[in-house]
């Protein structure tokens, strides 16, 4: 049986990844996407645990800061362009940067490990080094 906190965070990250993915492909704002997907079948049990409200809130915060987050990611890319990053990695990096810099209530190693696992589950493989570099340099970043 899975630890409830671990399972909650896994579902939170999956929902964030889903919402951010949708934001890339659709013309609606993140708020409109949240409204569209509020009755998504996977969300029926979500609101009982507060997952829906939390993921929606975080998705909006990421969308508001997306240019700043993307700029930080680009700064730490070496010999790679932002446009070439697989979308699953790009969205996972956005979640990771947000959590490392704006939600500092969780140990950075746990954040990075969970997001590396999420990325690998969906075929990505690019984020470990970038999130580690951002964490190591966060005191010198202008957030």
C-alpha atoms as a PDB file:
ATOM      1  CA  UNK A   1       0.000   0.000   0.000  1.00  0.00           C
ATOM      2  CA  UNK A   2       1.337   3.425  -0.937  1.00  0.00           C
ATOM      3  CA  UNK A   3       2.064   6.092   1.619  1.00  0.00           C
ATOM      4  CA  UNK A   4      -0.812   8.599   1.384  1.00  0.00           C
ATOM      5  CA  UNK A   5       1.499  11.647   1.253  1.00  0.00           C
ATOM      6  CA  UNK A   6       3.631  10.107  -1.501  1.00  0.00           C
ATOM      7  CA  UNK A   7       0.546   9.094  -3.478  1.00  0.00           C
ATOM      8  CA  UNK A   8      -0.972  12.565  -3.017  1.00  0.00           C
ATOM      9  CA  UNK A   9       2.199  14.253  -4.318  1.00  0.00           C
ATOM     10  CA  UNK A  10       2.409  11.841  -7.246  1.00  0.00           C
ATOM     11  CA  UNK A  11      -1.179  12.640  -8.241  1.00  0.00           C
ATOM     12  CA  UNK A  12      -0.557  16.357  -7.683  1.00  0.00           C
ATOM     13  CA  UNK A  13       2.427  16.313 -10.052  1.00  0.00           C
ATOM     14  CA  UNK A  14       0.522  14.274 -12.640  1.00  0.00           C
ATOM     15  CA  UNK A  15      -2.388  16.719 -12.576  1.00  0.00           C
ATOM     16  CA  UNK A  16      -0.015  19.701 -12.858  1.00  0.00           C
ATOM     17  CA  UNK A  17       1.740  18.035 -15.784  1.00  0.00           C
ATOM     18  CA  UNK A  18      -1.638  17.439 -17.448  1.00  0.00           C
ATOM     19  CA  UNK A  19      -2.791  21.051 -16.982  1.00  0.00           C
ATOM     20  CA  UNK A  20       0.514  22.524 -18.168  1.00  0.00           C
ATOM     21  CA  UNK A  21       0.509  20.185 -21.174  1.00  0.00           C
ATOM     22  CA  UNK A  22      -2.959  21.409 -22.079  1.00  0.00           C
ATOM     23  CA  UNK A  23      -1.817  25.012 -21.764  1.00  0.00           C
ATOM     24  CA  UNK A  24       0.820  24.353 -24.471  1.00  0.00           C
ATOM     25  CA  UNK A  25      -1.676  22.987 -26.988  1.00  0.00           C
ATOM     26  CA  UNK A  26      -4.833  24.970 -26.391  1.00  0.00           C
ATOM     27  CA  UNK A  27      -5.644  28.638 -26.699  1.00  0.00           C
ATOM     28  CA  UNK A  28      -7.462  28.884 -23.357  1.00  0.00           C
ATOM     29  CA  UNK A  29      -5.896  30.455 -20.279  1.00  0.00           C
ATOM     30  CA  UNK A  30      -4.927  28.229 -17.374  1.00  0.00           C
ATOM     31  CA  UNK A  31      -8.046  29.386 -15.501  1.00  0.00           C
ATOM     32  CA  UNK A  32     -10.246  28.386 -18.449  1.00  0.00           C
ATOM     33  CA  UNK A  33      -8.507  25.003 -18.693  1.00  0.00           C
ATOM     34  CA  UNK A  34      -9.070  24.392 -14.992  1.00  0.00           C
ATOM     35  CA  UNK A  35     -12.784  25.122 -15.493  1.00  0.00           C
ATOM     36  CA  UNK A  36     -12.933  22.819 -18.531  1.00  0.00           C
ATOM     37  CA  UNK A  37     -11.254  19.935 -16.719  1.00  0.00           C
ATOM     38  CA  UNK A  38     -12.888  20.367 -13.307  1.00  0.00           C
ATOM     39  CA  UNK A  39     -15.176  17.428 -14.035  1.00  0.00           C
ATOM     40  CA  UNK A  40     -12.486  15.317 -15.638  1.00  0.00           C
ATOM     41  CA  UNK A  41     -13.141  11.663 -14.634  1.00  0.00           C
ATOM     42  CA  UNK A  42      -9.865  11.418 -12.760  1.00  0.00           C
ATOM     43  CA  UNK A  43     -10.851  14.416 -10.624  1.00  0.00           C
ATOM     44  CA  UNK A  44     -13.975  12.938  -9.067  1.00  0.00           C
ATOM     45  CA  UNK A  45     -12.121  11.889  -5.929  1.00  0.00           C
ATOM     46  CA  UNK A  46      -9.626  14.718  -6.143  1.00  0.00           C
ATOM     47  CA  UNK A  47     -11.603  17.436  -4.407  1.00  0.00           C
ATOM     48  CA  UNK A  48     -12.243  15.250  -1.358  1.00  0.00           C
ATOM     49  CA  UNK A  49      -8.511  15.351  -0.655  1.00  0.00           C
ATOM     50  CA  UNK A  50      -7.958  18.979  -1.676  1.00  0.00           C
ATOM     51  CA  UNK A  51      -5.791  17.874  -4.583  1.00  0.00           C
ATOM     52  CA  UNK A  52      -7.851  19.690  -7.191  1.00  0.00           C
ATOM     53  CA  UNK A  53      -7.724  23.028  -5.382  1.00  0.00           C
ATOM     54  CA  UNK A  54      -3.998  22.747  -4.664  1.00  0.00           C
ATOM     55  CA  UNK A  55      -3.040  21.686  -8.193  1.00  0.00           C
ATOM     56  CA  UNK A  56      -5.212  24.434  -9.682  1.00  0.00           C
ATOM     57  CA  UNK A  57      -3.606  27.029  -7.446  1.00  0.00           C
ATOM     58  CA  UNK A  58      -0.080  25.877  -8.287  1.00  0.00           C
ATOM     59  CA  UNK A  59      -0.882  25.698 -12.025  1.00  0.00           C
ATOM     60  CA  UNK A  60      -2.071  29.311 -11.938  1.00  0.00           C
ATOM     61  CA  UNK A  61       1.078  30.371 -10.056  1.00  0.00           C
ATOM     62  CA  UNK A  62       3.299  28.614 -12.601  1.00  0.00           C
ATOM     63  CA  UNK A  63       1.386  30.233 -15.481  1.00  0.00           C
ATOM     64  CA  UNK A  64       1.809  33.679 -13.905  1.00  0.00           C
ATOM     65  CA  UNK A  65       5.571  33.126 -13.531  1.00  0.00           C
ATOM     66  CA  UNK A  66       6.132  31.110 -16.694  1.00  0.00           C
ATOM     67  CA  UNK A  67       8.403  33.650 -18.425  1.00  0.00           C
ATOM     68  CA  UNK A  68      10.609  33.966 -15.343  1.00  0.00           C
ATOM     69  CA  UNK A  69      10.682  30.189 -14.840  1.00  0.00           C
ATOM     70  CA  UNK A  70      11.504  29.562 -18.507  1.00  0.00           C
ATOM     71  CA  UNK A  71      14.259  32.173 -18.360  1.00  0.00           C
ATOM     72  CA  UNK A  72      15.850  30.375 -15.402  1.00  0.00           C
ATOM     73  CA  UNK A  73      15.637  27.033 -17.170  1.00  0.00           C
ATOM     74  CA  UNK A  74      17.253  28.519 -20.280  1.00  0.00           C
ATOM     75  CA  UNK A  75      20.023  30.038 -18.195  1.00  0.00           C
ATOM     76  CA  UNK A  76      21.042  26.587 -16.920  1.00  0.00           C
ATOM     77  CA  UNK A  77      20.844  24.745 -20.240  1.00  0.00           C
ATOM     78  CA  UNK A  78      24.251  23.865 -21.596  1.00  0.00           C
ATOM     79  CA  UNK A  79      24.653  23.237 -25.304  1.00  0.00           C
ATOM     80  CA  UNK A  80      20.910  22.807 -25.665  1.00  0.00           C
ATOM     81  CA  UNK A  81      18.108  25.112 -26.745  1.00  0.00           C
ATOM     82  CA  UNK A  82      14.900  25.499 -24.777  1.00  0.00           C
ATOM     83  CA  UNK A  83      12.849  24.757 -27.892  1.00  0.00           C
ATOM     84  CA  UNK A  84      14.500  21.336 -28.289  1.00  0.00           C
ATOM     85  CA  UNK A  85      13.539  20.073 -24.828  1.00  0.00           C
ATOM     86  CA  UNK A  86      10.851  17.392 -24.884  1.00  0.00           C
ATOM     87  CA  UNK A  87       7.549  18.826 -23.717  1.00  0.00           C
ATOM     88  CA  UNK A  88       7.314  16.404 -20.793  1.00  0.00           C
ATOM     89  CA  UNK A  89      10.710  17.595 -19.570  1.00  0.00           C
ATOM     90  CA  UNK A  90       9.833  21.251 -20.134  1.00  0.00           C
ATOM     91  CA  UNK A  91       6.631  21.008 -18.088  1.00  0.00           C
ATOM     92  CA  UNK A  92       8.308  18.924 -15.399  1.00  0.00           C
ATOM     93  CA  UNK A  93      11.117  21.477 -15.176  1.00  0.00           C
ATOM     94  CA  UNK A  94       8.562  24.249 -14.775  1.00  0.00           C
ATOM     95  CA  UNK A  95       6.947  22.390 -11.882  1.00  0.00           C
ATOM     96  CA  UNK A  96      10.348  21.709 -10.334  1.00  0.00           C
ATOM     97  CA  UNK A  97      11.610  25.266 -10.592  1.00  0.00           C
ATOM     98  CA  UNK A  98       8.385  26.523  -9.057  1.00  0.00           C
ATOM     99  CA  UNK A  99       8.613  24.066  -6.158  1.00  0.00           C
ATOM    100  CA  UNK A 100      12.311  24.696  -5.518  1.00  0.00           C
ATOM    101  CA  UNK A 101      12.064  28.474  -5.590  1.00  0.00           C
ATOM    102  CA  UNK A 102       8.553  29.308  -4.415  1.00  0.00           C
ATOM    103  CA  UNK A 103       7.467  26.343  -2.267  1.00  0.00           C
ATOM    104  CA  UNK A 104      10.506  25.723  -0.165  1.00  0.00           C
ATOM    105  CA  UNK A 105       8.631  23.583   2.338  1.00  0.00           C
ATOM    106  CA  UNK A 106       9.996  20.281   1.012  1.00  0.00           C
ATOM    107  CA  UNK A 107      13.555  18.948   0.941  1.00  0.00           C
ATOM    108  CA  UNK A 108      15.068  19.702  -2.464  1.00  0.00           C
ATOM    109  CA  UNK A 109      16.258  16.125  -2.962  1.00  0.00           C
ATOM    110  CA  UNK A 110      12.704  14.856  -2.547  1.00  0.00           C
ATOM    111  CA  UNK A 111      11.352  17.415  -5.032  1.00  0.00           C
ATOM    112  CA  UNK A 112      14.008  16.538  -7.611  1.00  0.00           C
ATOM    113  CA  UNK A 113      13.621  12.780  -7.104  1.00  0.00           C
ATOM    114  CA  UNK A 114       9.836  12.888  -7.506  1.00  0.00           C
ATOM    115  CA  UNK A 115      10.027  14.998 -10.621  1.00  0.00           C
ATOM    116  CA  UNK A 116      12.745  12.846 -12.182  1.00  0.00           C
ATOM    117  CA  UNK A 117      10.481   9.835 -11.631  1.00  0.00           C
ATOM    118  CA  UNK A 118       7.519  11.682 -13.123  1.00  0.00           C
ATOM    119  CA  UNK A 119       9.535  12.675 -16.170  1.00  0.00           C
ATOM    120  CA  UNK A 120      10.836   9.131 -16.672  1.00  0.00           C
ATOM    121  CA  UNK A 121       7.308   7.709 -16.379  1.00  0.00           C
ATOM    122  CA  UNK A 122       6.290   9.778 -19.387  1.00  0.00           C
ATOM    123  CA  UNK A 123       9.455   9.331 -21.417  1.00  0.00           C
ATOM    124  CA  UNK A 124      11.506  12.319 -20.336  1.00  0.00           C
ATOM    125  CA  UNK A 125      15.073  12.157 -19.118  1.00  0.00           C
ATOM    126  CA  UNK A 126      16.506  15.628 -19.051  1.00  0.00           C
ATOM    127  CA  UNK A 127      15.690  17.290 -15.753  1.00  0.00           C
ATOM    128  CA  UNK A 128      17.937  15.992 -12.983  1.00  0.00           C
ATOM    129  CA  UNK A 129      20.993  18.091 -13.806  1.00  0.00           C
ATOM    130  CA  UNK A 130      19.061  21.277 -14.515  1.00  0.00           C
ATOM    131  CA  UNK A 131      16.996  21.152 -11.306  1.00  0.00           C
ATOM    132  CA  UNK A 132      20.142  20.346  -9.329  1.00  0.00           C
ATOM    133  CA  UNK A 133      21.961  23.340 -10.824  1.00  0.00           C
ATOM    134  CA  UNK A 134      19.043  25.653 -10.129  1.00  0.00           C
ATOM    135  CA  UNK A 135      18.855  24.440  -6.536  1.00  0.00           C
ATOM    136  CA  UNK A 136      22.605  24.885  -5.992  1.00  0.00           C
ATOM    137  CA  UNK A 137      22.462  28.422  -7.379  1.00  0.00           C
ATOM    138  CA  UNK A 138      19.144  29.556  -5.949  1.00  0.00           C
ATOM    139  CA  UNK A 139      20.727  32.031  -3.530  1.00  0.00           C
ATOM    140  CA  UNK A 140      22.222  33.964  -6.444  1.00  0.00           C
ATOM    141  CA  UNK A 141      19.021  33.954  -8.518  1.00  0.00           C
ATOM    142  CA  UNK A 142      16.800  36.999  -8.696  1.00  0.00           C
ATOM    143  CA  UNK A 143      13.434  35.515  -7.734  1.00  0.00           C
END
